[in-house]
PDB file of all heavy atoms in Angstrom:
ATOM      1  N   ALA A   1       5.317  47.343 -42.438  1.00  0.00           N
ATOM      2  CA  ALA A   1       6.507  48.000 -41.885  1.00  0.00           C
ATOM      3  C   ALA A   1       6.159  49.449 -41.491  1.00  0.00           C
ATOM      4  O   ALA A   1       5.462  50.148 -42.219  1.00  0.00           O
ATOM      5  CB  ALA A   1       7.634  47.996 -42.892  1.00  0.00           C
ATOM      6  N   LYS A   2       6.679  49.875 -40.323  1.00  0.00           N
ATOM      7  CA  LYS A   2       6.356  51.207 -39.798  1.00  0.00           C
ATOM      8  C   LYS A   2       6.657  52.315 -40.786  1.00  0.00           C
ATOM      9  O   LYS A   2       5.909  53.286 -40.918  1.00  0.00           O
ATOM     10  CB  LYS A   2       7.110  51.467 -38.486  1.00  0.00           C
ATOM     11  CG  LYS A   2       6.580  50.650 -37.295  1.00  0.00           C
ATOM     12  CD  LYS A   2       7.314  51.045 -36.036  1.00  0.00           C
ATOM     13  CE  LYS A   2       6.754  50.266 -34.824  1.00  0.00           C
ATOM     14  NZ  LYS A   2       7.438  50.619 -33.568  1.00  0.00           N
ATOM     15  N   GLU A   3       7.779  52.173 -41.505  1.00  0.00           N
ATOM     16  CA  GLU A   3       8.180  53.231 -42.432  1.00  0.00           C
ATOM     17  C   GLU A   3       7.261  53.296 -43.662  1.00  0.00           C
ATOM     18  O   GLU A   3       7.282  54.295 -44.393  1.00  0.00           O
ATOM     19  CB  GLU A   3       9.627  53.023 -42.881  1.00  0.00           C
ATOM     20  CG  GLU A   3       9.918  51.713 -43.592  1.00  0.00           C
ATOM     21  CD  GLU A   3      10.312  50.590 -42.642  1.00  0.00           C
ATOM     22  OE1 GLU A   3      10.017  50.710 -41.429  1.00  0.00           O
ATOM     23  OE2 GLU A   3      10.888  49.587 -43.126  1.00  0.00           O
ATOM     24  N   GLU A   4       6.439  52.253 -43.860  1.00  0.00           N
ATOM     25  CA  GLU A   4       5.520  52.273 -44.983  1.00  0.00           C
ATOM     26  C   GLU A   4       4.120  52.782 -44.609  1.00  0.00           C
ATOM     27  O   GLU A   4       3.359  53.231 -45.479  1.00  0.00           O
ATOM     28  CB  GLU A   4       5.347  50.824 -45.542  1.00  0.00           C
ATOM     29  CG  GLU A   4       6.583  50.251 -46.180  1.00  0.00           C
ATOM     30  CD  GLU A   4       6.329  48.854 -46.742  1.00  0.00           C
ATOM     31  OE1 GLU A   4       5.258  48.660 -47.360  1.00  0.00           O
ATOM     32  OE2 GLU A   4       7.186  47.966 -46.534  1.00  0.00           O
ATOM     33  N   ILE A   5       3.811  52.766 -43.321  1.00  0.00           N
ATOM     34  CA  ILE A   5       2.463  53.101 -42.889  1.00  0.00           C
ATOM     35  C   ILE A   5       2.141  54.569 -43.106  1.00  0.00           C
ATOM     36  O   ILE A   5       1.114  54.932 -43.709  1.00  0.00           O
ATOM     37  CB  ILE A   5       2.241  52.699 -41.403  1.00  0.00           C
ATOM     38  CG1 ILE A   5       2.224  51.167 -41.284  1.00  0.00           C
ATOM     39  CG2 ILE A   5       0.935  53.310 -40.884  1.00  0.00           C
ATOM     40  CD1 ILE A   5       2.087  50.662 -39.864  1.00  0.00           C
ATOM     41  N   ALA A   6       2.978  55.454 -42.582  1.00  0.00           N
ATOM     42  CA  ALA A   6       2.695  56.906 -42.672  1.00  0.00           C
ATOM     43  C   ALA A   6       2.530  57.374 -44.120  1.00  0.00           C
ATOM     44  O   ALA A   6       1.533  58.080 -44.423  1.00  0.00           O
ATOM     45  CB  ALA A   6       3.765  57.706 -41.967  1.00  0.00           C
ATOM     46  N   PRO A   7       3.412  57.027 -45.049  1.00  0.00           N
ATOM     47  CA  PRO A   7       3.238  57.474 -46.428  1.00  0.00           C
ATOM     48  C   PRO A   7       1.935  56.978 -47.048  1.00  0.00           C
ATOM     49  O   PRO A   7       1.275  57.720 -47.788  1.00  0.00           O
ATOM     50  CB  PRO A   7       4.443  56.899 -47.154  1.00  0.00           C
ATOM     51  CG  PRO A   7       5.482  56.677 -46.094  1.00  0.00           C
ATOM     52  CD  PRO A   7       4.704  56.325 -44.877  1.00  0.00           C
ATOM     53  N   ARG A   8       1.562  55.716 -46.729  1.00  0.00           N
ATOM     54  CA  ARG A   8       0.333  55.194 -47.306  1.00  0.00           C
ATOM     55  C   ARG A   8      -0.897  55.854 -46.708  1.00  0.00           C
ATOM     56  O   ARG A   8      -1.854  56.168 -47.420  1.00  0.00           O
ATOM     57  CB  ARG A   8       0.249  53.656 -47.124  1.00  0.00           C
ATOM     58  CG  ARG A   8      -0.899  53.095 -47.978  1.00  0.00           C
ATOM     59  CD  ARG A   8      -1.115  51.608 -47.810  1.00  0.00           C
ATOM     60  NE  ARG A   8      -0.014  50.777 -48.304  1.00  0.00           N
ATOM     61  CZ  ARG A   8      -0.121  49.454 -48.438  1.00  0.00           C
ATOM     62  NH1 ARG A   8      -1.254  48.826 -48.141  1.00  0.00           N
ATOM     63  NH2 ARG A   8       0.907  48.761 -48.846  1.00  0.00           N
ATOM     64  N   VAL A   9      -0.895  56.055 -45.376  1.00  0.00           N
ATOM     65  CA  VAL A   9      -2.034  56.750 -44.756  1.00  0.00           C
ATOM     66  C   VAL A   9      -2.196  58.144 -45.346  1.00  0.00           C
ATOM     67  O   VAL A   9      -3.300  58.542 -45.713  1.00  0.00           O
ATOM     68  CB  VAL A   9      -1.834  56.833 -43.233  1.00  0.00           C
ATOM     69  CG1 VAL A   9      -2.887  57.752 -42.612  1.00  0.00           C
ATOM     70  CG2 VAL A   9      -1.917  55.453 -42.603  1.00  0.00           C
ATOM     71  N   ASN A  10      -1.087  58.863 -45.488  1.00  0.00           N
ATOM     72  CA  ASN A  10      -1.153  60.229 -46.034  1.00  0.00           C
ATOM     73  C   ASN A  10      -1.597  60.211 -47.495  1.00  0.00           C
ATOM     74  O   ASN A  10      -2.313  61.119 -47.937  1.00  0.00           O
ATOM     75  CB  ASN A  10       0.209  60.915 -45.901  1.00  0.00           C
ATOM     76  CG  ASN A  10       0.548  61.250 -44.455  1.00  0.00           C
ATOM     77  OD1 ASN A  10      -0.339  61.546 -43.660  1.00  0.00           O
ATOM     78  ND2 ASN A  10       1.832  61.183 -44.098  1.00  0.00           N
ATOM     79  N   GLU A  11      -1.200  59.192 -48.230  1.00  0.00           N
ATOM     80  CA  GLU A  11      -1.609  59.084 -49.636  1.00  0.00           C
ATOM     81  C   GLU A  11      -3.134  58.975 -49.739  1.00  0.00           C
ATOM     82  O   GLU A  11      -3.751  59.653 -50.579  1.00  0.00           O
ATOM     83  CB  GLU A  11      -0.956  57.822 -50.247  1.00  0.00           C
ATOM     84  CG  GLU A  11      -1.429  57.533 -51.678  1.00  0.00           C
ATOM     85  CD  GLU A  11      -0.953  56.180 -52.182  1.00  0.00           C
ATOM     86  OE1 GLU A  11      -0.095  55.553 -51.494  1.00  0.00           O
ATOM     87  OE2 GLU A  11      -1.446  55.734 -53.244  1.00  0.00           O
ATOM     88  N   TYR A  12      -3.724  58.149 -48.898  1.00  0.00           N
ATOM     89  CA  TYR A  12      -5.150  57.936 -49.017  1.00  0.00           C
ATOM     90  C   TYR A  12      -5.992  59.042 -48.337  1.00  0.00           C
ATOM     91  O   TYR A  12      -7.098  59.326 -48.760  1.00  0.00           O
ATOM     92  CB  TYR A  12      -5.536  56.551 -48.514  1.00  0.00           C
ATOM     93  CG  TYR A  12      -5.140  55.499 -49.511  1.00  0.00           C
ATOM     94  CD1 TYR A  12      -3.921  54.815 -49.400  1.00  0.00           C
ATOM     95  CD2 TYR A  12      -5.931  55.245 -50.643  1.00  0.00           C
ATOM     96  CE1 TYR A  12      -3.529  53.902 -50.359  1.00  0.00           C
ATOM     97  CE2 TYR A  12      -5.548  54.316 -51.584  1.00  0.00           C
ATOM     98  CZ  TYR A  12      -4.336  53.649 -51.450  1.00  0.00           C
ATOM     99  OH  TYR A  12      -3.956  52.742 -52.419  1.00  0.00           O
ATOM    100  N   LEU A  13      -5.426  59.682 -47.314  1.00  0.00           N
ATOM    101  CA  LEU A  13      -6.109  60.854 -46.763  1.00  0.00           C
ATOM    102  C   LEU A  13      -6.128  61.965 -47.797  1.00  0.00           C
ATOM    103  O   LEU A  13      -7.111  62.706 -47.919  1.00  0.00           O
ATOM    104  CB  LEU A  13      -5.416  61.313 -45.480  1.00  0.00           C
ATOM    105  CG  LEU A  13      -5.665  60.467 -44.226  1.00  0.00           C
ATOM    106  CD1 LEU A  13      -4.908  61.039 -43.048  1.00  0.00           C
ATOM    107  CD2 LEU A  13      -7.152  60.402 -43.903  1.00  0.00           C
ATOM    108  N   ASP A  14      -5.049  62.098 -48.532  1.00  0.00           N
ATOM    109  CA  ASP A  14      -5.004  63.102 -49.605  1.00  0.00           C
ATOM    110  C   ASP A  14      -6.011  62.739 -50.708  1.00  0.00           C
ATOM    111  O   ASP A  14      -6.686  63.631 -51.253  1.00  0.00           O
ATOM    112  CB  ASP A  14      -3.575  63.162 -50.182  1.00  0.00           C
ATOM    113  CG  ASP A  14      -3.444  64.256 -51.222  1.00  0.00           C
ATOM    114  OD1 ASP A  14      -3.760  65.436 -50.932  1.00  0.00           O
ATOM    115  OD2 ASP A  14      -3.045  63.947 -52.367  1.00  0.00           O
ATOM    116  N   LEU A  15      -6.110  61.480 -51.033  1.00  0.00           N
ATOM    117  CA  LEU A  15      -7.045  61.013 -52.068  1.00  0.00           C
ATOM    118  C   LEU A  15      -8.486  61.364 -51.725  1.00  0.00           C
ATOM    119  O   LEU A  15      -9.269  61.738 -52.611  1.00  0.00           O
ATOM    120  CB  LEU A  15      -6.899  59.498 -52.269  1.00  0.00           C
ATOM    121  CG  LEU A  15      -7.757  58.876 -53.384  1.00  0.00           C
ATOM    122  CD1 LEU A  15      -7.316  59.376 -54.747  1.00  0.00           C
ATOM    123  CD2 LEU A  15      -7.667  57.359 -53.318  1.00  0.00           C
ATOM    124  N   VAL A  16      -8.856  61.272 -50.441  1.00  0.00           N
ATOM    125  CA  VAL A  16     -10.246  61.559 -50.056  1.00  0.00           C
ATOM    126  C   VAL A  16     -10.417  63.007 -49.586  1.00  0.00           C
ATOM    127  O   VAL A  16     -11.477  63.360 -49.066  1.00  0.00           O
ATOM    128  CB  VAL A  16     -10.721  60.597 -48.937  1.00  0.00           C
ATOM    129  CG1 VAL A  16     -10.689  59.161 -49.424  1.00  0.00           C
ATOM    130  CG2 VAL A  16      -9.918  60.752 -47.656  1.00  0.00           C
ATOM    131  N   GLY A  17      -9.371  63.832 -49.759  1.00  0.00           N
ATOM    132  CA  GLY A  17      -9.484  65.250 -49.439  1.00  0.00           C
ATOM    133  C   GLY A  17      -9.399  65.598 -47.979  1.00  0.00           C
ATOM    134  O   GLY A  17      -9.932  66.617 -47.541  1.00  0.00           O
ATOM    135  N   LEU A  18      -8.718  64.748 -47.170  1.00  0.00           N
ATOM    136  CA  LEU A  18      -8.615  64.992 -45.730  1.00  0.00           C
ATOM    137  C   LEU A  18      -7.154  65.069 -45.281  1.00  0.00           C
ATOM    138  O   LEU A  18      -6.829  64.789 -44.117  1.00  0.00           O
ATOM    139  CB  LEU A  18      -9.337  63.882 -44.961  1.00  0.00           C
ATOM    140  CG  LEU A  18     -10.839  63.756 -45.177  1.00  0.00           C
ATOM    141  CD1 LEU A  18     -11.384  62.572 -44.413  1.00  0.00           C
ATOM    142  CD2 LEU A  18     -11.560  65.024 -44.758  1.00  0.00           C
ATOM    143  N   ALA A  19      -6.271  65.495 -46.158  1.00  0.00           N
ATOM    144  CA  ALA A  19      -4.843  65.492 -45.857  1.00  0.00           C
ATOM    145  C   ALA A  19      -4.494  66.342 -44.645  1.00  0.00           C
ATOM    146  O   ALA A  19      -3.536  66.033 -43.918  1.00  0.00           O
ATOM    147  CB  ALA A  19      -4.063  65.979 -47.077  1.00  0.00           C
ATOM    148  N   LYS A  20      -5.269  67.392 -44.394  1.00  0.00           N
ATOM    149  CA  LYS A  20      -4.970  68.303 -43.284  1.00  0.00           C
ATOM    150  C   LYS A  20      -5.721  67.992 -42.006  1.00  0.00           C
ATOM    151  O   LYS A  20      -5.630  68.716 -41.019  1.00  0.00           O
ATOM    152  CB  LYS A  20      -5.252  69.743 -43.709  1.00  0.00           C
ATOM    153  CG  LYS A  20      -4.377  70.211 -44.880  1.00  0.00           C
ATOM    154  CD  LYS A  20      -4.708  71.656 -45.251  1.00  0.00           C
ATOM    155  CE  LYS A  20      -3.832  72.129 -46.413  1.00  0.00           C
ATOM    156  NZ  LYS A  20      -4.149  73.546 -46.786  1.00  0.00           N
ATOM    157  N   LEU A  21      -6.475  66.876 -42.008  1.00  0.00           N
ATOM    158  CA  LEU A  21      -7.315  66.578 -40.842  1.00  0.00           C
ATOM    159  C   LEU A  21      -6.908  65.296 -40.121  1.00  0.00           C
ATOM    160  O   LEU A  21      -7.668  64.751 -39.336  1.00  0.00           O
ATOM    161  CB  LEU A  21      -8.784  66.470 -41.284  1.00  0.00           C
ATOM    162  CG  LEU A  21      -9.390  67.711 -41.947  1.00  0.00           C
ATOM    163  CD1 LEU A  21     -10.877  67.448 -42.282  1.00  0.00           C
ATOM    164  CD2 LEU A  21      -9.254  68.929 -41.042  1.00  0.00           C
ATOM    165  N   GLY A  22      -5.703  64.816 -40.363  1.00  0.00           N
ATOM    166  CA  GLY A  22      -5.257  63.573 -39.772  1.00  0.00           C
ATOM    167  C   GLY A  22      -5.183  63.611 -38.252  1.00  0.00           C
ATOM    168  O   GLY A  22      -5.269  62.575 -37.594  1.00  0.00           O
ATOM    169  N   HIS A  23      -5.037  64.814 -37.671  1.00  0.00           N
ATOM    170  CA  HIS A  23      -4.886  64.956 -36.213  1.00  0.00           C
ATOM    171  C   HIS A  23      -6.231  65.015 -35.499  1.00  0.00           C
ATOM    172  O   HIS A  23      -6.282  64.918 -34.261  1.00  0.00           O
ATOM    173  CB  HIS A  23      -4.121  66.226 -35.911  1.00  0.00           C
ATOM    174  CG  HIS A  23      -4.830  67.475 -36.349  1.00  0.00           C
ATOM    175  ND1 HIS A  23      -4.893  67.846 -37.683  1.00  0.00           N
ATOM    176  CD2 HIS A  23      -5.530  68.424 -35.658  1.00  0.00           C
ATOM    177  CE1 HIS A  23      -5.587  68.978 -37.800  1.00  0.00           C
ATOM    178  NE2 HIS A  23      -5.982  69.346 -36.582  1.00  0.00           N
ATOM    179  N   ARG A  24      -7.318  65.151 -36.235  1.00  0.00           N
ATOM    180  CA  ARG A  24      -8.647  65.278 -35.602  1.00  0.00           C
ATOM    181  C   ARG A  24      -9.202  63.905 -35.199  1.00  0.00           C
ATOM    182  O   ARG A  24      -8.757  62.870 -35.653  1.00  0.00           O
ATOM    183  CB  ARG A  24      -9.621  65.969 -36.557  1.00  0.00           C
ATOM    184  CG  ARG A  24      -9.295  67.431 -36.799  1.00  0.00           C
ATOM    185  CD  ARG A  24     -10.482  68.114 -37.459  1.00  0.00           C
ATOM    186  NE  ARG A  24     -10.195  69.507 -37.789  1.00  0.00           N
ATOM    187  CZ  ARG A  24     -11.065  70.335 -38.349  1.00  0.00           C
ATOM    188  NH1 ARG A  24     -12.275  69.897 -38.657  1.00  0.00           N
ATOM    189  NH2 ARG A  24     -10.732  71.578 -38.593  1.00  0.00           N
ATOM    190  N   TYR A  25     -10.262  63.986 -34.333  1.00  0.00           N
ATOM    191  CA  TYR A  25     -10.975  62.796 -33.908  1.00  0.00           C
ATOM    192  C   TYR A  25     -12.317  62.739 -34.636  1.00  0.00           C
ATOM    193  O   TYR A  25     -12.828  63.762 -35.092  1.00  0.00           O
ATOM    194  CB  TYR A  25     -11.176  62.813 -32.387  1.00  0.00           C
ATOM    195  CG  TYR A  25      -9.893  62.585 -31.610  1.00  0.00           C
ATOM    196  CD1 TYR A  25      -9.078  63.647 -31.292  1.00  0.00           C
ATOM    197  CD2 TYR A  25      -9.521  61.299 -31.256  1.00  0.00           C
ATOM    198  CE1 TYR A  25      -7.873  63.435 -30.602  1.00  0.00           C
ATOM    199  CE2 TYR A  25      -8.340  61.079 -30.551  1.00  0.00           C
ATOM    200  CZ  TYR A  25      -7.519  62.143 -30.243  1.00  0.00           C
ATOM    201  OH  TYR A  25      -6.350  61.935 -29.557  1.00  0.00           O
ATOM    202  N   PRO A  26     -12.900  61.547 -34.792  1.00  0.00           N
ATOM    203  CA  PRO A  26     -14.167  61.400 -35.527  1.00  0.00           C
ATOM    204  C   PRO A  26     -15.261  62.384 -35.077  1.00  0.00           C
ATOM    205  O   PRO A  26     -15.985  62.918 -35.907  1.00  0.00           O
ATOM    206  CB  PRO A  26     -14.564  59.955 -35.246  1.00  0.00           C
ATOM    207  CG  PRO A  26     -13.264  59.231 -35.125  1.00  0.00           C
ATOM    208  CD  PRO A  26     -12.360  60.217 -34.387  1.00  0.00           C
ATOM    209  N   LYS A  27     -15.354  62.647 -33.749  1.00  0.00           N
ATOM    210  CA  LYS A  27     -16.415  63.536 -33.250  1.00  0.00           C
ATOM    211  C   LYS A  27     -16.240  64.973 -33.726  1.00  0.00           C
ATOM    212  O   LYS A  27     -17.155  65.778 -33.657  1.00  0.00           O
ATOM    213  CB  LYS A  27     -16.454  63.489 -31.728  1.00  0.00           C
ATOM    214  CG  LYS A  27     -15.235  64.059 -31.053  1.00  0.00           C
ATOM    215  CD  LYS A  27     -15.324  63.973 -29.536  1.00  0.00           C
ATOM    216  CE  LYS A  27     -14.095  64.551 -28.849  1.00  0.00           C
ATOM    217  NZ  LYS A  27     -14.185  64.455 -27.372  1.00  0.00           N
ATOM    218  N   GLU A  28     -15.035  65.294 -34.221  1.00  0.00           N
ATOM    219  CA  GLU A  28     -14.750  66.652 -34.704  1.00  0.00           C
ATOM    220  C   GLU A  28     -14.985  66.777 -36.202  1.00  0.00           C
ATOM    221  O   GLU A  28     -14.721  67.831 -36.785  1.00  0.00           O
ATOM    222  CB  GLU A  28     -13.290  67.022 -34.376  1.00  0.00           C
ATOM    223  CG  GLU A  28     -12.973  67.008 -32.905  1.00  0.00           C
ATOM    224  CD  GLU A  28     -11.505  67.202 -32.607  1.00  0.00           C
ATOM    225  OE1 GLU A  28     -10.659  66.542 -33.269  1.00  0.00           O
ATOM    226  OE2 GLU A  28     -11.193  68.017 -31.714  1.00  0.00           O
ATOM    227  N   LEU A  29     -15.534  65.736 -36.820  1.00  0.00           N
ATOM    228  CA  LEU A  29     -15.770  65.717 -38.263  1.00  0.00           C
ATOM    229  C   LEU A  29     -17.249  65.711 -38.581  1.00  0.00           C
ATOM    230  O   LEU A  29     -18.069  65.248 -37.784  1.00  0.00           O
ATOM    231  CB  LEU A  29     -15.121  64.476 -38.897  1.00  0.00           C
ATOM    232  CG  LEU A  29     -13.635  64.253 -38.669  1.00  0.00           C
ATOM    233  CD1 LEU A  29     -13.210  62.944 -39.329  1.00  0.00           C
ATOM    234  CD2 LEU A  29     -12.806  65.428 -39.195  1.00  0.00           C
ATOM    235  N   SER A  30     -17.603  66.180 -39.774  1.00  0.00           N
ATOM    236  CA  SER A  30     -18.982  66.083 -40.247  1.00  0.00           C
ATOM    237  C   SER A  30     -19.242  64.653 -40.692  1.00  0.00           C
ATOM    238  O   SER A  30     -18.316  63.834 -40.822  1.00  0.00           O
ATOM    239  CB  SER A  30     -19.183  67.032 -41.430  1.00  0.00           C
ATOM    240  OG  SER A  30     -18.430  66.608 -42.557  1.00  0.00           O
ATOM    241  N   GLY A  31     -20.529  64.359 -40.976  1.00  0.00           N
ATOM    242  CA  GLY A  31     -20.873  63.008 -41.441  1.00  0.00           C
ATOM    243  C   GLY A  31     -20.178  62.648 -42.737  1.00  0.00           C
ATOM    244  O   GLY A  31     -19.686  61.534 -42.918  1.00  0.00           O
ATOM    245  N   GLY A  32     -20.083  63.608 -43.659  1.00  0.00           N
ATOM    246  CA  GLY A  32     -19.406  63.357 -44.920  1.00  0.00           C
ATOM    247  C   GLY A  32     -17.924  63.096 -44.743  1.00  0.00           C
ATOM    248  O   GLY A  32     -17.332  62.243 -45.415  1.00  0.00           O
ATOM    249  N   GLN A  33     -17.293  63.833 -43.820  1.00  0.00           N
ATOM    250  CA  GLN A  33     -15.869  63.637 -43.549  1.00  0.00           C
ATOM    251  C   GLN A  33     -15.627  62.275 -42.899  1.00  0.00           C
ATOM    252  O   GLN A  33     -14.639  61.611 -43.223  1.00  0.00           O
ATOM    253  CB  GLN A  33     -15.357  64.762 -42.672  1.00  0.00           C
ATOM    254  CG  GLN A  33     -15.254  66.117 -43.394  1.00  0.00           C
ATOM    255  CD  GLN A  33     -14.969  67.260 -42.464  1.00  0.00           C
ATOM    256  OE1 GLN A  33     -15.338  67.253 -41.281  1.00  0.00           O
ATOM    257  NE2 GLN A  33     -14.312  68.291 -42.953  1.00  0.00           N
ATOM    258  N   GLN A  34     -16.512  61.886 -41.979  1.00  0.00           N
ATOM    259  CA  GLN A  34     -16.377  60.561 -41.363  1.00  0.00           C
ATOM    260  C   GLN A  34     -16.490  59.471 -42.424  1.00  0.00           C
ATOM    261  O   GLN A  34     -15.775  58.448 -42.382  1.00  0.00           O
ATOM    262  CB  GLN A  34     -17.436  60.371 -40.290  1.00  0.00           C
ATOM    263  CG  GLN A  34     -17.246  61.222 -39.066  1.00  0.00           C
ATOM    264  CD  GLN A  34     -18.303  60.957 -38.016  1.00  0.00           C
ATOM    265  OE1 GLN A  34     -18.663  59.827 -37.751  1.00  0.00           O
ATOM    266  NE2 GLN A  34     -18.810  62.020 -37.394  1.00  0.00           N
ATOM    267  N   GLN A  35     -17.373  59.660 -43.391  1.00  0.00           N
ATOM    268  CA  GLN A  35     -17.530  58.693 -44.468  1.00  0.00           C
ATOM    269  C   GLN A  35     -16.243  58.612 -45.270  1.00  0.00           C
ATOM    270  O   GLN A  35     -15.817  57.522 -45.663  1.00  0.00           O
ATOM    271  CB  GLN A  35     -18.682  59.110 -45.374  1.00  0.00           C
ATOM    272  CG  GLN A  35     -18.944  58.170 -46.549  1.00  0.00           C
ATOM    273  CD  GLN A  35     -19.360  56.805 -46.113  1.00  0.00           C
ATOM    274  OE1 GLN A  35     -18.513  55.958 -45.829  1.00  0.00           O
ATOM    275  NE2 GLN A  35     -20.657  56.565 -46.051  1.00  0.00           N
ATOM    276  N   ARG A  36     -15.578  59.741 -45.478  1.00  0.00           N
ATOM    277  CA  ARG A  36     -14.320  59.742 -46.232  1.00  0.00           C
ATOM    278  C   ARG A  36     -13.225  59.016 -45.470  1.00  0.00           C
ATOM    279  O   ARG A  36     -12.393  58.318 -46.062  1.00  0.00           O
ATOM    280  CB  ARG A  36     -13.897  61.176 -46.548  1.00  0.00           C
ATOM    281  CG  ARG A  36     -14.719  61.837 -47.633  1.00  0.00           C
ATOM    282  CD  ARG A  36     -14.135  63.234 -47.963  1.00  0.00           C
ATOM    283  NE  ARG A  36     -14.781  63.804 -49.103  1.00  0.00           N
ATOM    284  CZ  ARG A  36     -15.859  64.581 -49.083  1.00  0.00           C
ATOM    285  NH1 ARG A  36     -16.404  64.856 -47.899  1.00  0.00           N
ATOM    286  NH2 ARG A  36     -16.378  65.063 -50.170  1.00  0.00           N
ATOM    287  N   VAL A  37     -13.211  59.170 -44.146  1.00  0.00           N
ATOM    288  CA  VAL A  37     -12.207  58.447 -43.334  1.00  0.00           C
ATOM    289  C   VAL A  37     -12.425  56.938 -43.474  1.00  0.00           C
ATOM    290  O   VAL A  37     -11.478  56.164 -43.643  1.00  0.00           O
ATOM    291  CB  VAL A  37     -12.304  58.865 -41.848  1.00  0.00           C
ATOM    292  CG1 VAL A  37     -11.324  58.032 -41.010  1.00  0.00           C
ATOM    293  CG2 VAL A  37     -11.993  60.333 -41.686  1.00  0.00           C
TER     294      VAL A  37
END
């Protein structure tokens, strides 16, 4: 459900330490950050 997707994505981005980078594209990330995604 659409209303469940955003909270879950944000939960796991926060878990891997990328909560503030959701708007970026893979090419804008380091290798370690891409691994976290």
